[in-house]
PDB file of N, CA and C in Angstrom:
ATOM      1  N   MET A   1      98.132 112.752  86.352  1.00  0.00           N
ATOM      2  CA  MET A   1      98.120 111.367  85.918  1.00  0.00           C
ATOM      3  C   MET A   1      97.868 111.330  84.411  1.00  0.00           C
ATOM      4  N   ASN A   2      98.498 110.378  83.725  1.00  0.00           N
ATOM      5  CA  ASN A   2      98.342 110.239  82.285  1.00  0.00           C
ATOM      6  C   ASN A   2      96.931 109.804  81.924  1.00  0.00           C
ATOM      7  N   ASP A   3      96.590 110.073  80.661  1.00  0.00           N
ATOM      8  CA  ASP A   3      95.298 109.605  80.163  1.00  0.00           C
ATOM      9  C   ASP A   3      95.270 108.093  80.130  1.00  0.00           C
ATOM     10  N   GLN A   4      94.093 107.546  80.322  1.00  0.00           N
ATOM     11  CA  GLN A   4      93.865 106.112  80.174  1.00  0.00           C
ATOM     12  C   GLN A   4      92.947 105.930  78.983  1.00  0.00           C
ATOM     13  N   TYR A   5      93.284 104.961  78.138  1.00  0.00           N
ATOM     14  CA  TYR A   5      92.456 104.619  76.992  1.00  0.00           C
ATOM     15  C   TYR A   5      91.844 103.253  77.262  1.00  0.00           C
ATOM     16  N   LEU A   6      90.571 103.126  76.967  1.00  0.00           N
ATOM     17  CA  LEU A   6      89.828 101.918  77.294  1.00  0.00           C
ATOM     18  C   LEU A   6      89.332 101.248  76.029  1.00  0.00           C
ATOM     19  N   LEU A   7      89.317  99.923  76.065  1.00  0.00           N
ATOM     20  CA  LEU A   7      88.798  99.159  74.943  1.00  0.00           C
ATOM     21  C   LEU A   7      87.975  98.013  75.503  1.00  0.00           C
ATOM     22  N   ARG A   8      86.756  97.852  74.999  1.00  0.00           N
ATOM     23  CA  ARG A   8      85.904  96.742  75.431  1.00  0.00           C
ATOM     24  C   ARG A   8      86.557  95.424  75.045  1.00  0.00           C
ATOM     25  N   SER A   9      86.493  94.474  75.927  1.00  0.00           N
ATOM     26  CA  SER A   9      87.032  93.145  75.656  1.00  0.00           C
ATOM     27  C   SER A   9      86.130  92.417  74.669  1.00  0.00           C
ATOM     28  N   THR A  10      86.739  91.619  73.805  1.00  0.00           N
ATOM     29  CA  THR A  10      85.953  90.779  72.900  1.00  0.00           C
ATOM     30  C   THR A  10      85.659  89.434  73.548  1.00  0.00           C
ATOM     31  N   SER A  11      86.154  89.228  74.766  1.00  0.00           N
ATOM     32  CA  SER A  11      85.931  87.974  75.490  1.00  0.00           C
ATOM     33  C   SER A  11      84.699  88.051  76.379  1.00  0.00           C
ATOM     34  N   VAL A  12      83.758  88.907  76.010  1.00  0.00           N
ATOM     35  CA  VAL A  12      82.528  89.045  76.778  1.00  0.00           C
ATOM     36  C   VAL A  12      81.336  89.078  75.828  1.00  0.00           C
ATOM     37  N   ALA A  13      80.196  88.709  76.361  1.00  0.00           N
ATOM     38  CA  ALA A  13      78.919  88.884  75.672  1.00  0.00           C
ATOM     39  C   ALA A  13      78.170  89.948  76.456  1.00  0.00           C
ATOM     40  N   ALA A  14      77.565  90.897  75.762  1.00  0.00           N
ATOM     41  CA  ALA A  14      76.897  91.989  76.470  1.00  0.00           C
ATOM     42  C   ALA A  14      75.547  92.297  75.844  1.00  0.00           C
ATOM     43  N   ARG A  15      74.621  92.686  76.710  1.00  0.00           N
ATOM     44  CA  ARG A  15      73.293  93.092  76.256  1.00  0.00           C
ATOM     45  C   ARG A  15      72.796  94.188  77.185  1.00  0.00           C
ATOM     46  N   LYS A  16      72.259  95.248  76.596  1.00  0.00           N
ATOM     47  CA  LYS A  16      71.731  96.355  77.387  1.00  0.00           C
ATOM     48  C   LYS A  16      70.269  96.089  77.700  1.00  0.00           C
ATOM     49  N   LEU A  17      69.948  96.184  78.982  1.00  0.00           N
ATOM     50  CA  LEU A  17      68.580  96.003  79.460  1.00  0.00           C
ATOM     51  C   LEU A  17      68.206  97.248  80.249  1.00  0.00           C
ATOM     52  N   GLY A  18      67.316  98.039  79.707  1.00  0.00           N
ATOM     53  CA  GLY A  18      67.002  99.308  80.347  1.00  0.00           C
ATOM     54  C   GLY A  18      68.229 100.193  80.257  1.00  0.00           C
ATOM     55  N   GLY A  19      68.654 100.771  81.350  1.00  0.00           N
ATOM     56  CA  GLY A  19      69.841 101.620  81.357  1.00  0.00           C
ATOM     57  C   GLY A  19      71.092 100.892  81.787  1.00  0.00           C
ATOM     58  N   GLU A  20      70.980  99.578  82.025  1.00  0.00           N
ATOM     59  CA  GLU A  20      72.123  98.829  82.520  1.00  0.00           C
ATOM     60  C   GLU A  20      72.596  97.808  81.495  1.00  0.00           C
ATOM     61  N   MET A  21      73.876  97.516  81.541  1.00  0.00           N
ATOM     62  CA  MET A  21      74.487  96.552  80.646  1.00  0.00           C
ATOM     63  C   MET A  21      74.758  95.265  81.422  1.00  0.00           C
ATOM     64  N   MET A  22      74.317  94.163  80.876  1.00  0.00           N
ATOM     65  CA  MET A  22      74.638  92.846  81.435  1.00  0.00           C
ATOM     66  C   MET A  22      75.813  92.316  80.622  1.00  0.00           C
ATOM     67  N   VAL A  23      76.884  91.937  81.321  1.00  0.00           N
ATOM     68  CA  VAL A  23      78.098  91.473  80.654  1.00  0.00           C
ATOM     69  C   VAL A  23      78.461  90.108  81.211  1.00  0.00           C
ATOM     70  N   MET A  24      78.676  89.152  80.309  1.00  0.00           N
ATOM     71  CA  MET A  24      79.111  87.823  80.732  1.00  0.00           C
ATOM     72  C   MET A  24      80.496  87.561  80.169  1.00  0.00           C
ATOM     73  N   SER A  25      81.402  87.192  81.037  1.00  0.00           N
ATOM     74  CA  SER A  25      82.774  86.900  80.641  1.00  0.00           C
ATOM     75  C   SER A  25      82.861  85.508  80.036  1.00  0.00           C
ATOM     76  N   ALA A  26      83.467  85.418  78.859  1.00  0.00           N
ATOM     77  CA  ALA A  26      83.692  84.119  78.222  1.00  0.00           C
ATOM     78  C   ALA A  26      84.842  83.388  78.906  1.00  0.00           C
ATOM     79  N   ILE A  27      85.638  84.106  79.678  1.00  0.00           N
ATOM     80  CA  ILE A  27      86.791  83.514  80.353  1.00  0.00           C
ATOM     81  C   ILE A  27      86.354  82.654  81.527  1.00  0.00           C
ATOM     82  N   ASP A  28      85.495  83.216  82.396  1.00  0.00           N
ATOM     83  CA  ASP A  28      85.103  82.481  83.603  1.00  0.00           C
ATOM     84  C   ASP A  28      83.584  82.379  83.775  1.00  0.00           C
ATOM     85  N   SER A  29      82.822  82.771  82.768  1.00  0.00           N
ATOM     86  CA  SER A  29      81.356  82.764  82.795  1.00  0.00           C
ATOM     87  C   SER A  29      80.779  83.663  83.883  1.00  0.00           C
ATOM     88  N   GLY A  30      81.579  84.588  84.402  1.00  0.00           N
ATOM     89  CA  GLY A  30      81.082  85.541  85.392  1.00  0.00           C
ATOM     90  C   GLY A  30      80.073  86.475  84.750  1.00  0.00           C
ATOM     91  N   LEU A  31      79.024  86.801  85.476  1.00  0.00           N
ATOM     92  CA  LEU A  31      77.980  87.690  84.987  1.00  0.00           C
ATOM     93  C   LEU A  31      78.035  88.984  85.786  1.00  0.00           C
ATOM     94  N   PHE A  32      78.073  90.100  85.085  1.00  0.00           N
ATOM     95  CA  PHE A  32      78.189  91.397  85.727  1.00  0.00           C
ATOM     96  C   PHE A  32      77.079  92.310  85.243  1.00  0.00           C
ATOM     97  N   SER A  33      76.523  93.073  86.157  1.00  0.00           N
ATOM     98  CA  SER A  33      75.519  94.073  85.827  1.00  0.00           C
ATOM     99  C   SER A  33      76.165  95.440  86.021  1.00  0.00           C
ATOM    100  N   LEU A  34      76.308  96.179  84.932  1.00  0.00           N
ATOM    101  CA  LEU A  34      76.917  97.503  85.007  1.00  0.00           C
ATOM    102  C   LEU A  34      75.834  98.549  85.197  1.00  0.00           C
ATOM    103  N   ASN A  35      76.001  99.409  86.199  1.00  0.00           N
ATOM    104  CA  ASN A  35      75.033 100.477  86.431  1.00  0.00           C
ATOM    105  C   ASN A  35      75.106 101.479  85.265  1.00  0.00           C
ATOM    106  N   PRO A  36      74.206 102.457  85.212  1.00  0.00           N
ATOM    107  CA  PRO A  36      74.201 103.384  84.073  1.00  0.00           C
ATOM    108  C   PRO A  36      75.527 104.116  83.841  1.00  0.00           C
ATOM    109  N   ILE A  37      76.234 104.475  84.900  1.00  0.00           N
ATOM    110  CA  ILE A  37      77.522 105.163  84.727  1.00  0.00           C
ATOM    111  C   ILE A  37      78.557 104.205  84.149  1.00  0.00           C
ATOM    112  N   ALA A  38      78.647 103.007  84.700  1.00  0.00           N
ATOM    113  CA  ALA A  38      79.584 102.011  84.179  1.00  0.00           C
ATOM    114  C   ALA A  38      79.225 101.654  82.741  1.00  0.00           C
ATOM    115  N   THR A  39      77.924 101.591  82.433  1.00  0.00           N
ATOM    116  CA  THR A  39      77.478 101.301  81.070  1.00  0.00           C
ATOM    117  C   THR A  39      77.935 102.387  80.110  1.00  0.00           C
ATOM    118  N   ALA A  40      77.802 103.648  80.499  1.00  0.00           N
ATOM    119  CA  ALA A  40      78.230 104.763  79.645  1.00  0.00           C
ATOM    120  C   ALA A  40      79.730 104.680  79.362  1.00  0.00           C
ATOM    121  N   ILE A  41      80.505 104.361  80.377  1.00  0.00           N
ATOM    122  CA  ILE A  41      81.955 104.228  80.198  1.00  0.00           C
ATOM    123  C   ILE A  41      82.255 103.049  79.297  1.00  0.00           C
ATOM    124  N   TRP A  42      81.621 101.917  79.550  1.00  0.00           N
ATOM    125  CA  TRP A  42      81.875 100.704  78.753  1.00  0.00           C
ATOM    126  C   TRP A  42      81.515 100.933  77.289  1.00  0.00           C
ATOM    127  N   GLU A  43      80.369 101.559  77.049  1.00  0.00           N
ATOM    128  CA  GLU A  43      79.945 101.810  75.664  1.00  0.00           C
ATOM    129  C   GLU A  43      80.887 102.760  74.935  1.00  0.00           C
ATOM    130  N   ALA A  44      81.494 103.695  75.658  1.00  0.00           N
ATOM    131  CA  ALA A  44      82.393 104.670  75.045  1.00  0.00           C
ATOM    132  C   ALA A  44      83.822 104.159  74.917  1.00  0.00           C
ATOM    133  N   ALA A  45      84.103 102.974  75.437  1.00  0.00           N
ATOM    134  CA  ALA A  45      85.466 102.416  75.449  1.00  0.00           C
ATOM    135  C   ALA A  45      85.841 101.925  74.056  1.00  0.00           C
ATOM    136  N   ASP A  46      86.311 102.859  73.220  1.00  0.00           N
ATOM    137  CA  ASP A  46      86.624 102.549  71.823  1.00  0.00           C
ATOM    138  C   ASP A  46      88.117 102.413  71.556  1.00  0.00           C
ATOM    139  N   GLY A  47      88.932 102.565  72.592  1.00  0.00           N
ATOM    140  CA  GLY A  47      90.378 102.435  72.435  1.00  0.00           C
ATOM    141  C   GLY A  47      91.084 103.718  72.053  1.00  0.00           C
ATOM    142  N   VAL A  48      90.356 104.725  71.625  1.00  0.00           N
ATOM    143  CA  VAL A  48      90.989 105.980  71.201  1.00  0.00           C
ATOM    144  C   VAL A  48      90.517 107.198  71.985  1.00  0.00           C
ATOM    145  N   THR A  49      89.403 107.077  72.688  1.00  0.00           N
ATOM    146  CA  THR A  49      88.892 108.190  73.486  1.00  0.00           C
ATOM    147  C   THR A  49      89.406 108.047  74.909  1.00  0.00           C
ATOM    148  N   PRO A  50      90.132 109.054  75.420  1.00  0.00           N
ATOM    149  CA  PRO A  50      90.643 108.945  76.790  1.00  0.00           C
ATOM    150  C   PRO A  50      89.517 108.968  77.822  1.00  0.00           C
ATOM    151  N   LEU A  51      89.746 108.286  78.931  1.00  0.00           N
ATOM    152  CA  LEU A  51      88.764 108.232  80.010  1.00  0.00           C
ATOM    153  C   LEU A  51      88.357 109.636  80.454  1.00  0.00           C
ATOM    154  N   ARG A  52      89.316 110.540  80.542  1.00  0.00           N
ATOM    155  CA  ARG A  52      89.025 111.921  80.952  1.00  0.00           C
ATOM    156  C   ARG A  52      87.953 112.530  80.051  1.00  0.00           C
ATOM    157  N   GLU A  53      88.061 112.306  78.744  1.00  0.00           N
ATOM    158  CA  GLU A  53      87.087 112.847  77.797  1.00  0.00           C
ATOM    159  C   GLU A  53      85.720 112.166  77.940  1.00  0.00           C
ATOM    160  N   ILE A  54      85.723 110.870  78.164  1.00  0.00           N
ATOM    161  CA  ILE A  54      84.468 110.147  78.379  1.00  0.00           C
ATOM    162  C   ILE A  54      83.740 110.716  79.589  1.00  0.00           C
ATOM    163  N   VAL A  55      84.483 110.923  80.668  1.00  0.00           N
ATOM    164  CA  VAL A  55      83.894 111.463  81.897  1.00  0.00           C
ATOM    165  C   VAL A  55      83.347 112.867  81.660  1.00  0.00           C
ATOM    166  N   GLU A  56      84.137 113.728  80.999  1.00  0.00           N
ATOM    167  CA  GLU A  56      83.722 115.113  80.772  1.00  0.00           C
ATOM    168  C   GLU A  56      82.509 115.206  79.853  1.00  0.00           C
ATOM    169  N   ARG A  57      82.434 114.338  78.847  1.00  0.00           N
ATOM    170  CA  ARG A  57      81.348 114.431  77.863  1.00  0.00           C
ATOM    171  C   ARG A  57      80.103 113.623  78.217  1.00  0.00           C
ATOM    172  N   LYS A  58      80.294 112.480  78.883  1.00  0.00           N
ATOM    173  CA  LYS A  58      79.164 111.575  79.127  1.00  0.00           C
ATOM    174  C   LYS A  58      78.679 111.587  80.576  1.00  0.00           C
ATOM    175  N   ILE A  59      79.604 111.643  81.523  1.00  0.00           N
ATOM    176  CA  ILE A  59      79.228 111.485  82.932  1.00  0.00           C
ATOM    177  C   ILE A  59      78.877 112.826  83.588  1.00  0.00           C
ATOM    178  N   CYS A  60      79.757 113.803  83.494  1.00  0.00           N
ATOM    179  CA  CYS A  60      79.536 115.080  84.188  1.00  0.00           C
ATOM    180  C   CYS A  60      78.236 115.779  83.778  1.00  0.00           C
ATOM    181  N   PRO A  61      77.930 115.904  82.487  1.00  0.00           N
ATOM    182  CA  PRO A  61      76.677 116.586  82.134  1.00  0.00           C
ATOM    183  C   PRO A  61      75.430 115.819  82.584  1.00  0.00           C
ATOM    184  N   GLU A  62      75.489 114.514  82.533  1.00  0.00           N
ATOM    185  CA  GLU A  62      74.328 113.685  82.861  1.00  0.00           C
ATOM    186  C   GLU A  62      74.076 113.611  84.368  1.00  0.00           C
ATOM    187  N   TYR A  63      75.149 113.594  85.159  1.00  0.00           N
ATOM    188  CA  TYR A  63      75.002 113.353  86.601  1.00  0.00           C
ATOM    189  C   TYR A  63      75.388 114.547  87.469  1.00  0.00           C
ATOM    190  N   ASP A  64      75.682 115.696  86.874  1.00  0.00           N
ATOM    191  CA  ASP A  64      75.979 116.924  87.608  1.00  0.00           C
ATOM    192  C   ASP A  64      77.004 116.683  88.714  1.00  0.00           C
ATOM    193  N   VAL A  65      78.187 116.228  88.297  1.00  0.00           N
ATOM    194  CA  VAL A  65      79.261 115.939  89.237  1.00  0.00           C
ATOM    195  C   VAL A  65      80.521 116.663  88.778  1.00  0.00           C
ATOM    196  N   GLU A  66      81.349 117.043  89.723  1.00  0.00           N
ATOM    197  CA  GLU A  66      82.604 117.723  89.410  1.00  0.00           C
ATOM    198  C   GLU A  66      83.522 116.792  88.630  1.00  0.00           C
ATOM    199  N   PRO A  67      84.187 117.291  87.597  1.00  0.00           N
ATOM    200  CA  PRO A  67      85.059 116.442  86.775  1.00  0.00           C
ATOM    201  C   PRO A  67      86.135 115.693  87.556  1.00  0.00           C
ATOM    202  N   ALA A  68      86.785 116.342  88.507  1.00  0.00           N
ATOM    203  CA  ALA A  68      87.859 115.677  89.264  1.00  0.00           C
ATOM    204  C   ALA A  68      87.325 114.507  90.083  1.00  0.00           C
ATOM    205  N   ILE A  69      86.166 114.696  90.696  1.00  0.00           N
ATOM    206  CA  ILE A  69      85.549 113.628  91.500  1.00  0.00           C
ATOM    207  C   ILE A  69      85.090 112.497  90.585  1.00  0.00           C
ATOM    208  N   ALA A  70      84.431 112.862  89.491  1.00  0.00           N
ATOM    209  CA  ALA A  70      83.938 111.847  88.552  1.00  0.00           C
ATOM    210  C   ALA A  70      85.090 111.046  87.966  1.00  0.00           C
ATOM    211  N   LEU A  71      86.197 111.710  87.639  1.00  0.00           N
ATOM    212  CA  LEU A  71      87.337 111.011  87.047  1.00  0.00           C
ATOM    213  C   LEU A  71      87.973 110.050  88.051  1.00  0.00           C
ATOM    214  N   ALA A  72      88.100 110.472  89.296  1.00  0.00           N
ATOM    215  CA  ALA A  72      88.667 109.592  90.327  1.00  0.00           C
ATOM    216  C   ALA A  72      87.783 108.353  90.507  1.00  0.00           C
ATOM    217  N   ASP A  73      86.471 108.553  90.563  1.00  0.00           N
ATOM    218  CA  ASP A  73      85.544 107.421  90.692  1.00  0.00           C
ATOM    219  C   ASP A  73      85.603 106.525  89.459  1.00  0.00           C
ATOM    220  N   ALA A  74      85.684 107.141  88.283  1.00  0.00           N
ATOM    221  CA  ALA A  74      85.734 106.369  87.036  1.00  0.00           C
ATOM    222  C   ALA A  74      87.007 105.540  86.968  1.00  0.00           C
ATOM    223  N   ARG A  75      88.131 106.089  87.424  1.00  0.00           N
ATOM    224  CA  ARG A  75      89.392 105.323  87.413  1.00  0.00           C
ATOM    225  C   ARG A  75      89.277 104.078  88.296  1.00  0.00           C
ATOM    226  N   SER A  76      88.643 104.203  89.446  1.00  0.00           N
ATOM    227  CA  SER A  76      88.451 103.048  90.330  1.00  0.00           C
ATOM    228  C   SER A  76      87.573 102.003  89.655  1.00  0.00           C
ATOM    229  N   LEU A  77      86.505 102.457  89.035  1.00  0.00           N
ATOM    230  CA  LEU A  77      85.605 101.555  88.325  1.00  0.00           C
ATOM    231  C   LEU A  77      86.327 100.850  87.183  1.00  0.00           C
ATOM    232  N   VAL A  78      87.080 101.601  86.397  1.00  0.00           N
ATOM    233  CA  VAL A  78      87.817 101.038  85.263  1.00  0.00           C
ATOM    234  C   VAL A  78      88.830 100.008  85.738  1.00  0.00           C
ATOM    235  N   ASP A  79      89.510 100.280  86.835  1.00  0.00           N
ATOM    236  CA  ASP A  79      90.469  99.310  87.382  1.00  0.00           C
ATOM    237  C   ASP A  79      89.774  97.992  87.705  1.00  0.00           C
ATOM    238  N   GLU A  80      88.597  98.072  88.302  1.00  0.00           N
ATOM    239  CA  GLU A  80      87.841  96.873  88.653  1.00  0.00           C
ATOM    240  C   GLU A  80      87.384  96.121  87.403  1.00  0.00           C
ATOM    241  N   LEU A  81      86.893  96.842  86.404  1.00  0.00           N
ATOM    242  CA  LEU A  81      86.451  96.195  85.166  1.00  0.00           C
ATOM    243  C   LEU A  81      87.636  95.560  84.425  1.00  0.00           C
ATOM    244  N   ALA A  82      88.788  96.198  84.489  1.00  0.00           N
ATOM    245  CA  ALA A  82      89.984  95.641  83.842  1.00  0.00           C
ATOM    246  C   ALA A  82      90.433  94.362  84.555  1.00  0.00           C
ATOM    247  N   LYS A  83      90.374  94.357  85.887  1.00  0.00           N
ATOM    248  CA  LYS A  83      90.742  93.154  86.650  1.00  0.00           C
ATOM    249  C   LYS A  83      89.852  91.974  86.279  1.00  0.00           C
ATOM    250  N   ARG A  84      88.604  92.257  85.934  1.00  0.00           N
ATOM    251  CA  ARG A  84      87.646  91.209  85.603  1.00  0.00           C
ATOM    252  C   ARG A  84      87.653  90.855  84.113  1.00  0.00           C
ATOM    253  N   GLY A  85      88.533  91.520  83.346  1.00  0.00           N
ATOM    254  CA  GLY A  85      88.658  91.199  81.932  1.00  0.00           C
ATOM    255  C   GLY A  85      87.580  91.805  81.046  1.00  0.00           C
ATOM    256  N   ILE A  86      86.845  92.778  81.554  1.00  0.00           N
ATOM    257  CA  ILE A  86      85.765  93.403  80.800  1.00  0.00           C
ATOM    258  C   ILE A  86      86.294  94.539  79.928  1.00  0.00           C
ATOM    259  N   LEU A  87      87.355  95.199  80.402  1.00  0.00           N
ATOM    260  CA  LEU A  87      87.997  96.281  79.669  1.00  0.00           C
ATOM    261  C   LEU A  87      89.498  96.040  79.585  1.00  0.00           C
ATOM    262  N   THR A  88      90.097  96.536  78.512  1.00  0.00           N
ATOM    263  CA  THR A  88      91.545  96.613  78.398  1.00  0.00           C
ATOM    264  C   THR A  88      91.900  98.076  78.597  1.00  0.00           C
ATOM    265  N   VAL A  89      92.930  98.356  79.391  1.00  0.00           N
ATOM    266  CA  VAL A  89      93.330  99.723  79.702  1.00  0.00           C
ATOM    267  C   VAL A  89      94.772  99.931  79.267  1.00  0.00           C
ATOM    268  N   SER A  90      95.027 101.085  78.652  1.00  0.00           N
ATOM    269  CA  SER A  90      96.380 101.418  78.197  1.00  0.00           C
ATOM    270  C   SER A  90      96.621 102.904  78.398  1.00  0.00           C
ATOM    271  N   ASP A  91      97.894 103.294  78.450  1.00  0.00           N
ATOM    272  CA  ASP A  91      98.216 104.724  78.513  1.00  0.00           C
ATOM    273  C   ASP A  91      98.413 105.294  77.106  1.00  0.00           C
ATOM    274  N   GLN A  92      98.191 104.460  76.096  1.00  0.00           N
ATOM    275  CA  GLN A  92      98.286 104.867  74.684  1.00  0.00           C
ATOM    276  C   GLN A  92      96.998 104.447  73.975  1.00  0.00           C
ATOM    277  N   PRO A  93      96.597 105.178  72.937  1.00  0.00           N
ATOM    278  CA  PRO A  93      95.427 104.734  72.163  1.00  0.00           C
ATOM    279  C   PRO A  93      95.665 103.323  71.605  1.00  0.00           C
ATOM    280  N   MET A  94      94.589 102.564  71.489  1.00  0.00           N
ATOM    281  CA  MET A  94      94.674 101.183  71.018  1.00  0.00           C
ATOM    282  C   MET A  94      93.824 101.003  69.775  1.00  0.00           C
ATOM    283  N   ALA A  95      94.317 100.205  68.859  1.00  0.00           N
ATOM    284  CA  ALA A  95      93.537  99.846  67.673  1.00  0.00           C
ATOM    285  C   ALA A  95      92.583  98.728  68.039  1.00  0.00           C
ATOM    286  N   ALA A  96      91.542  98.552  67.250  1.00  0.00           N
ATOM    287  CA  ALA A  96      90.561  97.504  67.510  1.00  0.00           C
ATOM    288  C   ALA A  96      91.216  96.119  67.543  1.00  0.00           C
ATOM    289  N   GLY A  97      92.301  95.928  66.800  1.00  0.00           N
ATOM    290  CA  GLY A  97      92.998  94.650  66.792  1.00  0.00           C
ATOM    291  C   GLY A  97      93.681  94.334  68.103  1.00  0.00           C
ATOM    292  N   ALA A  98      93.790  95.331  68.996  1.00  0.00           N
ATOM    293  CA  ALA A  98      94.468  95.124  70.281  1.00  0.00           C
ATOM    294  C   ALA A  98      93.524  94.602  71.353  1.00  0.00           C
ATOM    295  N   ARG A  99      92.289  94.345  70.986  1.00  0.00           N
ATOM    296  CA  ARG A  99      91.303  93.911  71.984  1.00  0.00           C
ATOM    297  C   ARG A  99      91.715  92.617  72.652  1.00  0.00           C
ATOM    298  N   ALA A 100      91.336  92.534  73.928  1.00  0.00           N
ATOM    299  CA  ALA A 100      91.645  91.325  74.713  1.00  0.00           C
ATOM    300  C   ALA A 100      90.653  90.234  74.391  1.00  0.00           C
TER     301      ALA A 100
END
């Protein structure tokens, strides 16, 4: 499967509380609590770092999980966050101006 590049949406307000990120969508005022793994992915979503690299560098060392399993779980999580407008996902790197 191709690399996925993630970019945090600018249509959200976010604040980190402890190890979790609270994200509120400006689109529908939905409030989401991201667990520590989702928070690590969201914080690393800079538009140029592929999800595979985020998982290998941030998730696998911290949570002692196999890269293939972690990547499959991360892809499911990213799909859900993208559906909710929290992340923009592309198969190409994105510039900051491409934010949703």
